[in-house]
Structures are given as structure tokens and as C-alpha cells.
Amino acid sequence: MRASHVLVKWQGSRRPASWRDPEGRDIAGRDKERALAMLGDLNAALARGVPFAEVAQVSDCGSAKQGGDLGEFGPGQMQKPFEDAVLALAVGQLSGPVWTDSGVHLILRTG
């Protein structure tokens, strides 16, 4: 399977730092509700027609540099809630918010 995603971390994420916030200053002040609201803003941008790869540039995941593309992965390579969400999507379909230990994601199944 293959997917792209946008990740918004929050203070309770398993690693509360990111390539965009290496010291975790912004993430440390972000609760779950704020992370979800930020993801909602990104989802609204997608609904307005902003390309996924452009929206993904603000992701807290290093895949932002590839437009959110995670490449191909197999069973057990991603956190279970993420994998389950990908498997529930048709190719080309976008998920709602998906919570993992890393934070909250929007996932676009691409393969």
C-alpha cells in the first residue's frame, strides 16, 4: 500500500519535536484540541482545492519535503491506527482525523 499524510503533533506525542520544530517549543504548547483544529484548517484548505502536496508542506513529519508521500509500505510497518485507516480507504480517498502515538493525521491513500 502507499499513502501520503499530514501530521500535526501535540504535547503528548511520543516524540514532541519535529523537523519544523526541532526543540519542540511550539509542539509543547499544543494540546490535542489545538492539534485537531490545526488539522481542520488544513482539511479546509484541501476542500478549497489546495493540492495535497502543498498542504503537506506544513506537516510535522519529515515526509513534508516529499509532499507528504510515505512511499510504499507493508503490513506492520506503520502504527496500527494509521495502517487500519489506510486499509479502510480506497485509492484517492482522504481520511478524517486519525490519531496515533505520533499525533493526528490526514491520510490520502495513493496506492
N, C-alpha and C. Protein backbone atom coordinates (compact mmCIF):
# COMPACT_ATOMS: atom_id res chain seq x y z
N MET A 1 0.85 -1.18 0.00
CA MET A 1 0.00 0.00 0.00
C MET A 1 0.89 1.23 0.00
N ARG A 2 0.29 2.36 -0.34
CA ARG A 2 1.03 3.61 -0.41
C ARG A 2 0.11 4.74 0.04
N ALA A 3 0.68 5.72 0.74
CA ALA A 3 -0.12 6.84 1.22
C ALA A 3 0.75 8.08 1.39
N SER A 4 0.07 9.20 1.39
CA SER A 4 0.66 10.48 1.78
C SER A 4 -0.12 10.94 3.01
N HIS A 5 0.51 11.78 3.81
CA HIS A 5 -0.19 12.24 5.01
C HIS A 5 0.30 13.60 5.44
N VAL A 6 -0.49 14.19 6.31
CA VAL A 6 -0.12 15.40 7.03
C VAL A 6 -0.21 15.03 8.51
N LEU A 7 0.82 15.34 9.26
CA LEU A 7 0.87 15.04 10.69
C LEU A 7 0.92 16.34 11.48
N VAL A 8 0.06 16.45 12.47
CA VAL A 8 0.13 17.56 13.43
C VAL A 8 0.41 16.93 14.79
N LYS A 9 1.57 17.26 15.35
CA LYS A 9 1.93 16.74 16.66
C LYS A 9 1.34 17.61 17.76
N TRP A 10 1.27 17.05 18.94
CA TRP A 10 0.79 17.79 20.11
C TRP A 10 1.70 17.43 21.28
N GLN A 11 1.52 18.10 22.40
CA GLN A 11 2.41 17.93 23.54
C GLN A 11 2.50 16.50 24.06
N GLY A 12 1.51 15.68 23.80
CA GLY A 12 1.51 14.29 24.24
C GLY A 12 2.01 13.31 23.20
N SER A 13 2.49 13.81 22.07
CA SER A 13 3.03 12.93 21.03
C SER A 13 4.24 12.18 21.55
N ARG A 14 4.46 10.99 21.03
CA ARG A 14 5.57 10.17 21.53
C ARG A 14 6.92 10.84 21.33
N ARG A 15 7.04 11.68 20.36
CA ARG A 15 8.26 12.48 20.16
C ARG A 15 7.81 13.91 19.90
N PRO A 16 7.69 14.72 20.95
CA PRO A 16 7.12 16.08 20.80
C PRO A 16 8.11 17.09 20.24
N ALA A 17 8.68 16.75 19.09
CA ALA A 17 9.54 17.65 18.33
C ALA A 17 9.40 17.21 16.88
N SER A 18 9.84 18.05 15.96
CA SER A 18 9.74 17.69 14.55
C SER A 18 10.82 18.41 13.76
N TRP A 19 10.90 18.11 12.49
CA TRP A 19 11.87 18.79 11.63
C TRP A 19 11.57 20.28 11.58
N ARG A 20 10.31 20.66 11.73
CA ARG A 20 9.92 22.08 11.70
C ARG A 20 10.13 22.74 13.06
N ASP A 21 10.12 21.96 14.10
CA ASP A 21 10.20 22.44 15.48
C ASP A 21 11.15 21.52 16.26
N PRO A 22 12.46 21.56 15.92
CA PRO A 22 13.41 20.59 16.49
C PRO A 22 13.49 20.58 18.01
N GLU A 23 13.25 21.70 18.64
CA GLU A 23 13.30 21.74 20.09
C GLU A 23 11.93 21.54 20.73
N GLY A 24 10.91 21.44 19.91
CA GLY A 24 9.56 21.15 20.39
C GLY A 24 8.89 22.31 21.11
N ARG A 25 9.33 23.52 20.87
CA ARG A 25 8.75 24.67 21.57
C ARG A 25 7.28 24.88 21.22
N ASP A 26 6.97 24.87 19.93
CA ASP A 26 5.57 25.06 19.51
C ASP A 26 4.72 23.86 19.91
N ILE A 27 5.27 22.68 19.69
CA ILE A 27 4.52 21.46 19.99
C ILE A 27 4.22 21.36 21.48
N ALA A 28 5.14 21.79 22.32
CA ALA A 28 4.95 21.71 23.78
C ALA A 28 3.74 22.52 24.24
N GLY A 29 3.39 23.55 23.50
CA GLY A 29 2.24 24.37 23.86
C GLY A 29 0.95 24.00 23.14
N ARG A 30 0.99 22.90 22.41
CA ARG A 30 -0.16 22.48 21.60
C ARG A 30 -0.87 21.31 22.25
N ASP A 31 -2.11 21.53 22.70
CA ASP A 31 -2.88 20.42 23.25
C ASP A 31 -3.61 19.68 22.12
N LYS A 32 -4.30 18.61 22.47
CA LYS A 32 -4.99 17.79 21.47
C LYS A 32 -6.01 18.60 20.68
N GLU A 33 -6.74 19.46 21.39
CA GLU A 33 -7.78 20.25 20.73
C GLU A 33 -7.17 21.20 19.70
N ARG A 34 -6.05 21.82 20.04
CA ARG A 34 -5.37 22.73 19.11
C ARG A 34 -4.84 21.96 17.91
N ALA A 35 -4.25 20.79 18.14
CA ALA A 35 -3.75 19.97 17.04
C ALA A 35 -4.89 19.60 16.09
N LEU A 36 -6.02 19.22 16.65
CA LEU A 36 -7.18 18.86 15.83
C LEU A 36 -7.70 20.06 15.06
N ALA A 37 -7.71 21.24 15.68
CA ALA A 37 -8.15 22.45 14.99
C ALA A 37 -7.20 22.80 13.84
N MET A 38 -5.91 22.63 14.07
CA MET A 38 -4.93 22.89 13.00
C MET A 38 -5.15 21.93 11.83
N LEU A 39 -5.41 20.68 12.16
CA LEU A 39 -5.67 19.70 11.10
C LEU A 39 -6.95 20.06 10.35
N GLY A 40 -7.94 20.57 11.08
CA GLY A 40 -9.18 21.00 10.44
C GLY A 40 -8.94 22.14 9.46
N ASP A 41 -8.05 23.06 9.80
CA ASP A 41 -7.70 24.15 8.89
C ASP A 41 -7.04 23.61 7.63
N LEU A 42 -6.20 22.61 7.79
CA LEU A 42 -5.54 22.00 6.63
C LEU A 42 -6.55 21.26 5.76
N ASN A 43 -7.49 20.58 6.39
CA ASN A 43 -8.54 19.90 5.65
C ASN A 43 -9.40 20.90 4.87
N ALA A 44 -9.66 22.05 5.49
CA ALA A 44 -10.43 23.10 4.80
C ALA A 44 -9.67 23.61 3.58
N ALA A 45 -8.35 23.72 3.68
CA ALA A 45 -7.54 24.13 2.53
C ALA A 45 -7.67 23.11 1.40
N LEU A 46 -7.65 21.84 1.75
CA LEU A 46 -7.85 20.80 0.74
C LEU A 46 -9.21 20.93 0.08
N ALA A 47 -10.23 21.19 0.88
CA ALA A 47 -11.59 21.35 0.36
C ALA A 47 -11.69 22.54 -0.60
N ARG A 48 -10.84 23.54 -0.39
CA ARG A 48 -10.82 24.72 -1.28
C ARG A 48 -10.02 24.44 -2.55
N GLY A 49 -9.42 23.27 -2.64
CA GLY A 49 -8.68 22.90 -3.84
C GLY A 49 -7.18 23.05 -3.77
N VAL A 50 -6.65 23.36 -2.60
CA VAL A 50 -5.19 23.42 -2.45
C VAL A 50 -4.66 22.00 -2.60
N PRO A 51 -3.66 21.80 -3.45
CA PRO A 51 -3.14 20.44 -3.65
C PRO A 51 -2.60 19.82 -2.36
N PHE A 52 -2.79 18.52 -2.22
CA PHE A 52 -2.36 17.82 -1.02
C PHE A 52 -0.87 18.05 -0.76
N ALA A 53 -0.04 17.94 -1.79
CA ALA A 53 1.41 18.10 -1.61
C ALA A 53 1.76 19.47 -1.06
N GLU A 54 0.97 20.47 -1.40
CA GLU A 54 1.22 21.82 -0.88
C GLU A 54 0.80 21.91 0.60
N VAL A 55 -0.35 21.36 0.92
CA VAL A 55 -0.82 21.35 2.30
C VAL A 55 0.15 20.57 3.19
N ALA A 56 0.67 19.47 2.67
CA ALA A 56 1.56 18.60 3.44
C ALA A 56 2.89 19.26 3.79
N GLN A 57 3.22 20.35 3.16
CA GLN A 57 4.49 21.03 3.45
C GLN A 57 4.57 21.55 4.89
N VAL A 58 3.44 21.67 5.56
CA VAL A 58 3.44 22.13 6.95
C VAL A 58 3.37 20.97 7.94
N SER A 59 3.43 19.75 7.45
CA SER A 59 3.36 18.56 8.29
C SER A 59 4.53 18.53 9.27
N ASP A 60 4.30 17.96 10.44
CA ASP A 60 5.37 17.75 11.42
C ASP A 60 6.20 16.51 11.10
N CYS A 61 5.88 15.82 10.04
CA CYS A 61 6.64 14.65 9.59
C CYS A 61 7.65 15.09 8.53
N GLY A 62 8.80 14.47 8.53
CA GLY A 62 9.81 14.77 7.52
C GLY A 62 9.35 14.50 6.10
N SER A 63 8.28 13.70 5.94
CA SER A 63 7.75 13.43 4.60
C SER A 63 7.18 14.70 3.96
N ALA A 64 7.06 15.78 4.73
CA ALA A 64 6.57 17.05 4.18
C ALA A 64 7.42 17.47 2.99
N LYS A 65 8.70 17.14 3.04
CA LYS A 65 9.62 17.52 1.96
C LYS A 65 9.31 16.78 0.67
N GLN A 66 8.54 15.69 0.77
CA GLN A 66 8.11 14.92 -0.41
C GLN A 66 6.62 15.08 -0.63
N GLY A 67 6.05 16.18 -0.17
CA GLY A 67 4.61 16.40 -0.32
C GLY A 67 3.77 15.46 0.51
N GLY A 68 4.36 14.92 1.57
CA GLY A 68 3.63 14.00 2.46
C GLY A 68 3.73 12.55 2.06
N ASP A 69 4.38 12.27 0.92
CA ASP A 69 4.46 10.90 0.41
C ASP A 69 5.32 10.03 1.32
N LEU A 70 4.75 8.93 1.78
CA LEU A 70 5.45 7.98 2.63
C LEU A 70 6.04 6.82 1.84
N GLY A 71 5.75 6.77 0.55
CA GLY A 71 6.21 5.65 -0.26
C GLY A 71 5.38 4.41 0.02
N GLU A 72 5.85 3.30 -0.47
CA GLU A 72 5.14 2.04 -0.26
C GLU A 72 5.54 1.44 1.08
N PHE A 73 4.59 0.79 1.72
CA PHE A 73 4.84 0.12 2.99
C PHE A 73 3.92 -1.09 3.08
N GLY A 74 4.34 -2.03 3.89
CA GLY A 74 3.58 -3.26 4.05
C GLY A 74 2.95 -3.36 5.42
N PRO A 75 2.23 -4.44 5.64
CA PRO A 75 1.59 -4.67 6.94
C PRO A 75 2.61 -4.63 8.08
N GLY A 76 2.24 -3.95 9.15
CA GLY A 76 3.07 -3.87 10.33
C GLY A 76 4.16 -2.82 10.31
N GLN A 77 4.30 -2.09 9.21
CA GLN A 77 5.35 -1.08 9.12
C GLN A 77 4.92 0.29 9.67
N MET A 78 3.64 0.50 9.81
CA MET A 78 3.12 1.75 10.35
C MET A 78 2.38 1.44 11.64
N GLN A 79 2.13 2.46 12.44
CA GLN A 79 1.34 2.26 13.65
C GLN A 79 -0.03 1.73 13.25
N LYS A 80 -0.57 0.85 14.06
CA LYS A 80 -1.82 0.15 13.72
C LYS A 80 -2.97 1.08 13.35
N PRO A 81 -3.25 2.15 14.10
CA PRO A 81 -4.36 3.02 13.69
C PRO A 81 -4.14 3.63 12.30
N PHE A 82 -2.89 3.94 11.98
CA PHE A 82 -2.56 4.50 10.67
C PHE A 82 -2.80 3.46 9.58
N GLU A 83 -2.26 2.28 9.79
CA GLU A 83 -2.43 1.20 8.81
C GLU A 83 -3.91 0.87 8.62
N ASP A 84 -4.64 0.75 9.71
CA ASP A 84 -6.07 0.44 9.61
C ASP A 84 -6.80 1.51 8.80
N ALA A 85 -6.44 2.77 9.01
CA ALA A 85 -7.08 3.86 8.26
C ALA A 85 -6.76 3.76 6.78
N VAL A 86 -5.51 3.47 6.45
CA VAL A 86 -5.13 3.34 5.04
C VAL A 86 -5.90 2.19 4.40
N LEU A 87 -5.98 1.08 5.09
CA LEU A 87 -6.69 -0.08 4.53
C LEU A 87 -8.18 0.18 4.34
N ALA A 88 -8.74 1.09 5.12
CA ALA A 88 -10.17 1.41 5.01
C ALA A 88 -10.46 2.38 3.87
N LEU A 89 -9.41 2.98 3.32
CA LEU A 89 -9.59 3.96 2.25
C LEU A 89 -9.45 3.32 0.87
N ALA A 90 -10.18 3.85 -0.09
CA ALA A 90 -9.96 3.50 -1.49
C ALA A 90 -8.82 4.39 -2.01
N VAL A 91 -8.14 3.94 -3.03
CA VAL A 91 -7.09 4.76 -3.63
C VAL A 91 -7.70 6.09 -4.07
N GLY A 92 -7.06 7.18 -3.67
CA GLY A 92 -7.55 8.52 -3.99
C GLY A 92 -8.44 9.12 -2.92
N GLN A 93 -8.79 8.33 -1.92
CA GLN A 93 -9.69 8.80 -0.85
C GLN A 93 -8.89 9.39 0.30
N LEU A 94 -9.45 10.43 0.92
CA LEU A 94 -8.85 11.13 2.06
C LEU A 94 -9.55 10.71 3.34
N SER A 95 -8.77 10.48 4.38
CA SER A 95 -9.34 10.11 5.68
C SER A 95 -9.82 11.34 6.43
N GLY A 96 -10.56 11.09 7.49
CA GLY A 96 -10.79 12.10 8.50
C GLY A 96 -9.60 12.07 9.43
N PRO A 97 -9.68 12.74 10.58
CA PRO A 97 -8.57 12.71 11.53
C PRO A 97 -8.29 11.29 12.03
N VAL A 98 -7.01 10.93 12.05
CA VAL A 98 -6.57 9.63 12.53
C VAL A 98 -5.52 9.88 13.62
N TRP A 99 -5.81 9.41 14.82
CA TRP A 99 -4.89 9.59 15.95
C TRP A 99 -3.97 8.40 16.07
N THR A 100 -2.68 8.69 16.23
CA THR A 100 -1.68 7.67 16.55
C THR A 100 -0.83 8.22 17.70
N ASP A 101 0.15 7.45 18.13
CA ASP A 101 1.06 7.94 19.16
C ASP A 101 1.89 9.13 18.68
N SER A 102 1.97 9.30 17.38
CA SER A 102 2.74 10.41 16.81
C SER A 102 1.97 11.73 16.79
N GLY A 103 0.65 11.66 16.75
CA GLY A 103 -0.18 12.86 16.66
C GLY A 103 -1.43 12.55 15.87
N VAL A 104 -1.94 13.57 15.19
CA VAL A 104 -3.15 13.40 14.40
C VAL A 104 -2.81 13.61 12.92
N HIS A 105 -3.39 12.77 12.08
CA HIS A 105 -3.04 12.73 10.65
C HIS A 105 -4.29 12.92 9.78
N LEU A 106 -4.05 13.48 8.60
CA LEU A 106 -4.94 13.33 7.45
C LEU A 106 -4.17 12.43 6.50
N ILE A 107 -4.84 11.39 6.00
CA ILE A 107 -4.17 10.42 5.15
C ILE A 107 -4.84 10.36 3.79
N LEU A 108 -4.04 10.40 2.75
CA LEU A 108 -4.51 10.24 1.39
C LEU A 108 -3.92 8.93 0.87
N ARG A 109 -4.80 7.97 0.59
CA ARG A 109 -4.30 6.69 0.04
C ARG A 109 -3.96 6.90 -1.43
N THR A 110 -2.75 6.55 -1.79
CA THR A 110 -2.27 6.76 -3.16
C THR A 110 -1.94 5.47 -3.88
N GLY A 111 -2.03 4.36 -3.19
CA GLY A 111 -1.75 3.09 -3.85
C GLY A 111 -2.07 1.93 -2.96
